[in-house]
Amino acid sequence: MTKLTPYLVQKIIKGNPKIDQRVDYDEPGKAIIYLNDGWTWEAYDGNRSVEGFNLSDSFWEEPDNVAYLKERIKFIEPVDPECY
């Protein structure tokens, strides 16, 4: 399985209207991806608009792979106002 790199993260999210195209790489070995207003990674987890993914150069945790990021993107859903 192909491990995530900053290049692959940008390529996978490019043009997705649900995802903010600016990814935060400030934390070593992590890509922090934000969603645009109105979207959530997980409504029943408090309508989270941010999720972190481990990159191939992560020293602390097992790197995530391309398939995992693509799977998570499939489950982005509209914000549920009852789940705050």
Protein backbone atom coordinates (compact mmCIF):
# COMPACT_ATOMS: atom_id res chain seq x y z
CA MET A 1 0.00 0.00 0.00
CA THR A 2 1.24 3.45 -0.91
CA LYS A 3 2.05 5.60 2.12
CA LEU A 4 0.86 9.22 2.18
CA THR A 5 3.22 12.01 1.20
CA PRO A 6 2.44 15.74 1.01
CA TYR A 7 2.39 15.46 -2.79
CA LEU A 8 -0.13 12.61 -2.75
CA VAL A 9 -2.35 14.38 -0.19
CA GLN A 10 -2.52 17.47 -2.42
CA LYS A 11 -3.18 15.36 -5.50
CA ILE A 12 -6.01 13.40 -3.83
CA ILE A 13 -7.85 16.43 -2.41
CA LYS A 14 -7.34 18.71 -5.42
CA GLY A 15 -10.59 20.21 -6.60
CA ASN A 16 -12.78 18.56 -3.95
CA PRO A 17 -15.32 21.29 -3.03
CA LYS A 18 -15.83 19.81 0.45
CA ILE A 19 -12.16 20.15 1.41
CA ASP A 20 -10.17 23.33 2.10
CA GLN A 21 -7.24 23.09 -0.31
CA ARG A 22 -4.78 24.50 2.23
CA VAL A 23 -3.28 21.61 4.19
CA ASP A 24 -1.37 22.21 7.43
CA TYR A 25 2.00 20.45 7.59
CA ASP A 26 3.26 22.29 10.71
CA GLU A 27 3.31 19.16 12.86
CA PRO A 28 6.15 16.85 11.74
CA GLY A 29 4.89 13.71 10.00
CA LYS A 30 1.27 14.93 9.84
CA ALA A 31 -1.06 16.40 7.26
CA ILE A 32 -3.92 18.28 8.88
CA ILE A 33 -6.86 18.56 6.48
CA TYR A 34 -9.69 21.02 7.06
CA LEU A 35 -13.15 20.87 5.55
CA ASN A 36 -15.07 23.80 4.11
CA ASP A 37 -18.05 25.19 6.00
CA GLY A 38 -21.05 22.89 6.04
CA TRP A 39 -19.09 19.61 5.90
CA THR A 40 -17.86 17.21 8.56
CA TRP A 41 -15.63 14.17 8.85
CA GLU A 42 -17.95 12.73 11.46
CA ALA A 43 -21.28 14.31 12.47
CA TYR A 44 -21.69 12.17 15.58
CA ASP A 45 -18.19 13.03 16.75
CA GLY A 46 -19.16 16.67 17.16
CA ASN A 47 -19.19 17.67 13.49
CA ARG A 48 -15.41 17.61 13.18
CA SER A 49 -14.10 19.83 10.40
CA VAL A 50 -10.45 18.79 10.82
CA GLU A 51 -8.65 15.47 10.64
CA GLY A 52 -4.98 14.53 10.81
CA PHE A 53 -3.27 11.92 8.67
CA ASN A 54 0.14 10.38 9.31
CA LEU A 55 2.62 10.88 6.49
CA SER A 56 5.28 8.49 5.26
CA ASP A 57 7.94 10.31 7.31
CA SER A 58 6.03 10.01 10.60
CA PHE A 59 8.38 8.88 13.37
CA TRP A 60 5.70 8.56 16.05
CA GLU A 61 2.87 6.63 14.45
CA GLU A 62 2.30 4.17 11.63
CA PRO A 63 1.92 6.12 8.36
CA ASP A 64 -1.52 6.22 6.77
CA ASN A 65 -1.90 5.10 3.18
CA VAL A 66 -3.60 6.49 0.08
CA ALA A 67 -6.51 4.04 0.33
CA TYR A 68 -7.28 5.18 3.90
CA LEU A 69 -7.40 8.88 2.93
CA LYS A 70 -9.64 8.12 -0.06
CA GLU A 71 -11.95 6.04 2.13
CA ARG A 72 -12.23 8.83 4.72
CA ILE A 73 -13.05 11.34 1.98
CA LYS A 74 -15.94 9.16 0.79
CA PHE A 75 -17.58 9.54 4.19
CA ILE A 76 -17.45 13.34 4.43
CA GLU A 77 -21.02 14.38 5.12
CA PRO A 78 -23.08 17.53 5.61
CA VAL A 79 -22.96 19.01 9.09
CA ASP A 80 -25.81 17.80 11.28
CA PRO A 81 -27.04 20.72 13.44
CA GLU A 82 -28.36 18.28 16.04
CA CYS A 83 -24.90 16.80 16.69
CA TYR A 84 -23.19 19.74 18.39
